[in-house]
């Protein structure tokens, strides 16, 4: 699993502010062929061994690192009984683990219902209970709130907490 203090997304070559001494790794330069599905493209991109994908807190994370994190999340959902093709709530934050979660959902044919982490825990819990998706993925700081955990349990959803402090 990814073991870092944390993760800023450099989205497909967009400039990201860096100190002058920082050198940016080469971008993989992927282009999606019109005939390729998004899931197939993501699966192909996961194979970019050693290629850098995401920068967070002055550290670059490779596609293999993101793939490993995504595989662990997919295993948690599958083991919990969630088949491919289902919708999963993703309490999305700007970290590599959340980026890996979104790519995992898309590459496994699952749908991502994005939820904002920038609301009070009680409001987030109410939204989780109202929407009643079969699984919820979120940062540990969001999932540790009792009201959020209770909402996930109440609807019988699979809860996956991402710890961005350890990368697991």
C-alpha atoms as a PDB file:
ATOM      1  CA  UNK A   1       0.000   0.000   0.000  1.00  0.00           C
ATOM      2  CA  UNK A   2       0.970   3.613  -0.389  1.00  0.00           C
ATOM      3  CA  UNK A   3       2.867   4.770   2.692  1.00  0.00           C
ATOM      4  CA  UNK A   4       3.203   8.530   2.736  1.00  0.00           C
ATOM      5  CA  UNK A   5       2.191  11.532   4.725  1.00  0.00           C
ATOM      6  CA  UNK A   6      -0.022  12.454   1.939  1.00  0.00           C
ATOM      7  CA  UNK A   7      -0.700  13.376  -1.747  1.00  0.00           C
ATOM      8  CA  UNK A   8      -1.778  17.331  -5.043  1.00  0.00           C
ATOM      9  CA  UNK A   9      -2.990  16.051  -8.242  1.00  0.00           C
ATOM     10  CA  UNK A  10      -1.189  17.134 -11.367  1.00  0.00           C
ATOM     11  CA  UNK A  11      -3.994  16.569 -13.763  1.00  0.00           C
ATOM     12  CA  UNK A  12      -2.691  15.378 -17.091  1.00  0.00           C
ATOM     13  CA  UNK A  13       0.097  17.852 -17.529  1.00  0.00           C
ATOM     14  CA  UNK A  14      -1.537  20.964 -16.086  1.00  0.00           C
ATOM     15  CA  UNK A  15       1.018  23.214 -14.452  1.00  0.00           C
ATOM     16  CA  UNK A  16       1.377  22.801 -10.708  1.00  0.00           C
ATOM     17  CA  UNK A  17       3.231  25.325  -8.544  1.00  0.00           C
ATOM     18  CA  UNK A  18       6.562  23.866  -7.388  1.00  0.00           C
ATOM     19  CA  UNK A  19       9.658  25.249  -5.772  1.00  0.00           C
ATOM     20  CA  UNK A  20      12.329  26.178  -8.336  1.00  0.00           C
ATOM     21  CA  UNK A  21      14.575  23.281  -7.329  1.00  0.00           C
ATOM     22  CA  UNK A  22      11.795  20.746  -7.956  1.00  0.00           C
ATOM     23  CA  UNK A  23      11.957  18.882 -11.231  1.00  0.00           C
ATOM     24  CA  UNK A  24       8.858  17.322 -12.646  1.00  0.00           C
ATOM     25  CA  UNK A  25       8.985  13.707 -13.826  1.00  0.00           C
ATOM     26  CA  UNK A  26       8.053  12.963 -17.402  1.00  0.00           C
ATOM     27  CA  UNK A  27       4.330  12.730 -18.057  1.00  0.00           C
ATOM     28  CA  UNK A  28       3.136   9.422 -19.504  1.00  0.00           C
ATOM     29  CA  UNK A  29       1.506  11.263 -22.415  1.00  0.00           C
ATOM     30  CA  UNK A  30      -1.478   8.936 -22.721  1.00  0.00           C
ATOM     31  CA  UNK A  31      -4.168   9.733 -25.231  1.00  0.00           C
ATOM     32  CA  UNK A  32      -7.407   7.770 -25.242  1.00  0.00           C
ATOM     33  CA  UNK A  33      -8.134   6.128 -28.608  1.00  0.00           C
ATOM     34  CA  UNK A  34     -11.743   6.679 -29.695  1.00  0.00           C
ATOM     35  CA  UNK A  35     -12.343   2.926 -29.858  1.00  0.00           C
ATOM     36  CA  UNK A  36     -11.120   2.263 -26.292  1.00  0.00           C
ATOM     37  CA  UNK A  37     -13.512   2.207 -23.332  1.00  0.00           C
ATOM     38  CA  UNK A  38     -12.657   4.266 -20.263  1.00  0.00           C
ATOM     39  CA  UNK A  39     -12.289   1.083 -18.184  1.00  0.00           C
ATOM     40  CA  UNK A  40      -9.859  -0.379 -20.732  1.00  0.00           C
ATOM     41  CA  UNK A  41      -7.913   2.885 -20.844  1.00  0.00           C
ATOM     42  CA  UNK A  42      -7.578   2.965 -17.053  1.00  0.00           C
ATOM     43  CA  UNK A  43      -6.549  -0.689 -17.009  1.00  0.00           C
ATOM     44  CA  UNK A  44      -3.921   0.039 -19.661  1.00  0.00           C
ATOM     45  CA  UNK A  45      -2.696   3.107 -17.757  1.00  0.00           C
ATOM     46  CA  UNK A  46      -2.272   1.077 -14.543  1.00  0.00           C
ATOM     47  CA  UNK A  47       0.434  -0.843 -16.423  1.00  0.00           C
ATOM     48  CA  UNK A  48       2.591   2.279 -16.821  1.00  0.00           C
ATOM     49  CA  UNK A  49       5.269   0.866 -14.548  1.00  0.00           C
ATOM     50  CA  UNK A  50       7.369   3.565 -12.978  1.00  0.00           C
ATOM     51  CA  UNK A  51       5.463   6.383 -14.679  1.00  0.00           C
ATOM     52  CA  UNK A  52       4.423   9.171 -12.349  1.00  0.00           C
ATOM     53  CA  UNK A  53       0.737   9.925 -11.982  1.00  0.00           C
ATOM     54  CA  UNK A  54       0.082  12.216  -9.024  1.00  0.00           C
ATOM     55  CA  UNK A  55       2.027  14.690  -6.925  1.00  0.00           C
ATOM     56  CA  UNK A  56       1.006  15.382  -3.358  1.00  0.00           C
ATOM     57  CA  UNK A  57       2.953  17.393  -0.812  1.00  0.00           C
ATOM     58  CA  UNK A  58       6.087  17.455  -2.986  1.00  0.00           C
ATOM     59  CA  UNK A  59       6.123  13.689  -3.547  1.00  0.00           C
ATOM     60  CA  UNK A  60       5.273  11.919  -6.768  1.00  0.00           C
ATOM     61  CA  UNK A  61       3.210   8.712  -6.732  1.00  0.00           C
ATOM     62  CA  UNK A  62       3.483   6.215  -9.548  1.00  0.00           C
ATOM     63  CA  UNK A  63       0.733   4.388 -11.398  1.00  0.00           C
ATOM     64  CA  UNK A  64       1.774   1.092  -9.766  1.00  0.00           C
ATOM     65  CA  UNK A  65       1.343   2.677  -6.310  1.00  0.00           C
ATOM     66  CA  UNK A  66      -2.121   3.935  -7.227  1.00  0.00           C
ATOM     67  CA  UNK A  67      -2.989   0.569  -8.778  1.00  0.00           C
ATOM     68  CA  UNK A  68      -1.983  -1.214  -5.563  1.00  0.00           C
ATOM     69  CA  UNK A  69      -4.194   1.089  -3.463  1.00  0.00           C
ATOM     70  CA  UNK A  70      -7.076   0.694  -5.934  1.00  0.00           C
ATOM     71  CA  UNK A  71      -6.735  -3.099  -5.862  1.00  0.00           C
ATOM     72  CA  UNK A  72      -7.018  -3.098  -2.069  1.00  0.00           C
ATOM     73  CA  UNK A  73     -10.174  -0.961  -2.272  1.00  0.00           C
ATOM     74  CA  UNK A  74     -11.675  -3.183  -4.970  1.00  0.00           C
ATOM     75  CA  UNK A  75     -10.925  -6.244  -2.843  1.00  0.00           C
ATOM     76  CA  UNK A  76     -12.673  -4.641   0.156  1.00  0.00           C
ATOM     77  CA  UNK A  77     -15.777  -3.918  -1.936  1.00  0.00           C
ATOM     78  CA  UNK A  78     -15.801  -7.333  -3.601  1.00  0.00           C
ATOM     79  CA  UNK A  79     -15.217  -9.181  -0.327  1.00  0.00           C
ATOM     80  CA  UNK A  80     -18.048  -7.139   1.164  1.00  0.00           C
ATOM     81  CA  UNK A  81     -20.333  -8.480  -1.561  1.00  0.00           C
ATOM     82  CA  UNK A  82     -20.535  -5.485  -3.890  1.00  0.00           C
ATOM     83  CA  UNK A  83     -20.542  -6.627  -7.521  1.00  0.00           C
ATOM     84  CA  UNK A  84     -19.236  -4.581 -10.398  1.00  0.00           C
ATOM     85  CA  UNK A  85     -21.710  -2.223 -11.998  1.00  0.00           C
ATOM     86  CA  UNK A  86     -23.109  -0.833  -8.713  1.00  0.00           C
ATOM     87  CA  UNK A  87     -23.010   2.791  -7.578  1.00  0.00           C
ATOM     88  CA  UNK A  88     -20.645   3.721  -4.755  1.00  0.00           C
ATOM     89  CA  UNK A  89     -20.679   6.977  -2.796  1.00  0.00           C
ATOM     90  CA  UNK A  90     -17.244   8.614  -2.833  1.00  0.00           C
ATOM     91  CA  UNK A  91     -16.654  11.379  -0.300  1.00  0.00           C
ATOM     92  CA  UNK A  92     -14.071  12.978  -2.546  1.00  0.00           C
ATOM     93  CA  UNK A  93     -11.018  14.837  -1.349  1.00  0.00           C
ATOM     94  CA  UNK A  94      -7.987  15.929  -3.350  1.00  0.00           C
ATOM     95  CA  UNK A  95      -5.585  13.106  -2.439  1.00  0.00           C
ATOM     96  CA  UNK A  96      -3.997  10.295  -4.429  1.00  0.00           C
ATOM     97  CA  UNK A  97      -6.003   7.682  -2.517  1.00  0.00           C
ATOM     98  CA  UNK A  98      -9.232   9.372  -3.576  1.00  0.00           C
ATOM     99  CA  UNK A  99      -7.922   9.612  -7.131  1.00  0.00           C
ATOM    100  CA  UNK A 100      -7.136   5.875  -7.006  1.00  0.00           C
ATOM    101  CA  UNK A 101     -10.611   5.205  -5.602  1.00  0.00           C
ATOM    102  CA  UNK A 102     -12.289   7.051  -8.471  1.00  0.00           C
ATOM    103  CA  UNK A 103     -10.167   5.256 -11.070  1.00  0.00           C
ATOM    104  CA  UNK A 104     -10.895   1.904  -9.394  1.00  0.00           C
ATOM    105  CA  UNK A 105     -14.631   2.554  -9.485  1.00  0.00           C
ATOM    106  CA  UNK A 106     -14.536   3.526 -13.159  1.00  0.00           C
ATOM    107  CA  UNK A 107     -12.231   0.671 -14.158  1.00  0.00           C
ATOM    108  CA  UNK A 108     -14.444  -1.937 -12.465  1.00  0.00           C
ATOM    109  CA  UNK A 109     -17.625  -0.707 -14.099  1.00  0.00           C
ATOM    110  CA  UNK A 110     -18.927   0.811 -10.903  1.00  0.00           C
ATOM    111  CA  UNK A 111     -20.447   4.268 -10.821  1.00  0.00           C
ATOM    112  CA  UNK A 112     -19.089   6.974  -8.533  1.00  0.00           C
ATOM    113  CA  UNK A 113     -21.600   9.224  -6.799  1.00  0.00           C
ATOM    114  CA  UNK A 114     -19.437  12.094  -5.598  1.00  0.00           C
ATOM    115  CA  UNK A 115     -20.271  13.537  -2.196  1.00  0.00           C
ATOM    116  CA  UNK A 116     -18.766  16.710  -0.800  1.00  0.00           C
ATOM    117  CA  UNK A 117     -16.634  16.412   2.332  1.00  0.00           C
ATOM    118  CA  UNK A 118     -17.111  20.130   2.979  1.00  0.00           C
ATOM    119  CA  UNK A 119     -20.343  19.807   4.901  1.00  0.00           C
ATOM    120  CA  UNK A 120     -21.048  19.179   8.547  1.00  0.00           C
ATOM    121  CA  UNK A 121     -20.832  15.489   9.537  1.00  0.00           C
ATOM    122  CA  UNK A 122     -24.554  15.462  10.422  1.00  0.00           C
ATOM    123  CA  UNK A 123     -25.457  16.763   6.945  1.00  0.00           C
ATOM    124  CA  UNK A 124     -23.135  14.233   5.311  1.00  0.00           C
ATOM    125  CA  UNK A 125     -24.719  11.445   7.384  1.00  0.00           C
ATOM    126  CA  UNK A 126     -28.197  12.597   6.358  1.00  0.00           C
ATOM    127  CA  UNK A 127     -27.172  12.544   2.689  1.00  0.00           C
ATOM    128  CA  UNK A 128     -25.662   9.048   3.053  1.00  0.00           C
ATOM    129  CA  UNK A 129     -28.873   7.788   4.672  1.00  0.00           C
ATOM    130  CA  UNK A 130     -31.088   9.468   2.044  1.00  0.00           C
ATOM    131  CA  UNK A 131     -29.162   8.155  -0.964  1.00  0.00           C
ATOM    132  CA  UNK A 132     -28.549   4.695   0.554  1.00  0.00           C
ATOM    133  CA  UNK A 133     -25.792   3.548  -1.783  1.00  0.00           C
ATOM    134  CA  UNK A 134     -24.504   0.028  -1.072  1.00  0.00           C
ATOM    135  CA  UNK A 135     -20.979   1.288  -0.328  1.00  0.00           C
ATOM    136  CA  UNK A 136     -19.331   4.493   0.873  1.00  0.00           C
ATOM    137  CA  UNK A 137     -15.652   5.340   0.401  1.00  0.00           C
ATOM    138  CA  UNK A 138     -14.249   8.291   2.289  1.00  0.00           C
ATOM    139  CA  UNK A 139     -11.275   9.719   4.070  1.00  0.00           C
ATOM    140  CA  UNK A 140     -10.762   8.406   7.595  1.00  0.00           C
ATOM    141  CA  UNK A 141     -11.312  11.945   8.917  1.00  0.00           C
ATOM    142  CA  UNK A 142     -14.815  11.915   7.394  1.00  0.00           C
ATOM    143  CA  UNK A 143     -15.647   8.318   8.272  1.00  0.00           C
ATOM    144  CA  UNK A 144     -14.573   8.645  11.925  1.00  0.00           C
ATOM    145  CA  UNK A 145     -17.540  10.885  12.775  1.00  0.00           C
ATOM    146  CA  UNK A 146     -20.085   8.863  14.726  1.00  0.00           C
ATOM    147  CA  UNK A 147     -23.028  10.210  12.726  1.00  0.00           C
ATOM    148  CA  UNK A 148     -21.386   9.193   9.437  1.00  0.00           C
ATOM    149  CA  UNK A 149     -20.492   5.712  10.722  1.00  0.00           C
ATOM    150  CA  UNK A 150     -24.024   5.273  12.072  1.00  0.00           C
ATOM    151  CA  UNK A 151     -25.547   6.278   8.730  1.00  0.00           C
ATOM    152  CA  UNK A 152     -23.353   3.780   6.858  1.00  0.00           C
ATOM    153  CA  UNK A 153     -24.299   1.021   9.331  1.00  0.00           C
ATOM    154  CA  UNK A 154     -27.998   1.974   9.298  1.00  0.00           C
ATOM    155  CA  UNK A 155     -28.304   1.512   5.535  1.00  0.00           C
ATOM    156  CA  UNK A 156     -26.194  -1.664   5.628  1.00  0.00           C
ATOM    157  CA  UNK A 157     -23.537  -0.219   3.336  1.00  0.00           C
ATOM    158  CA  UNK A 158     -19.913  -1.285   3.036  1.00  0.00           C
ATOM    159  CA  UNK A 159     -17.724   1.455   4.500  1.00  0.00           C
ATOM    160  CA  UNK A 160     -14.157   1.972   3.294  1.00  0.00           C
ATOM    161  CA  UNK A 161     -12.041   4.510   5.196  1.00  0.00           C
ATOM    162  CA  UNK A 162      -8.941   5.854   3.438  1.00  0.00           C
ATOM    163  CA  UNK A 163      -6.166   6.893   5.777  1.00  0.00           C
ATOM    164  CA  UNK A 164      -4.237   9.553   3.886  1.00  0.00           C
ATOM    165  CA  UNK A 165      -1.824   9.959   6.791  1.00  0.00           C
ATOM    166  CA  UNK A 166      -0.469   6.442   6.208  1.00  0.00           C
ATOM    167  CA  UNK A 167      -1.716   5.976   2.640  1.00  0.00           C
ATOM    168  CA  UNK A 168      -3.823   2.898   3.445  1.00  0.00           C
END
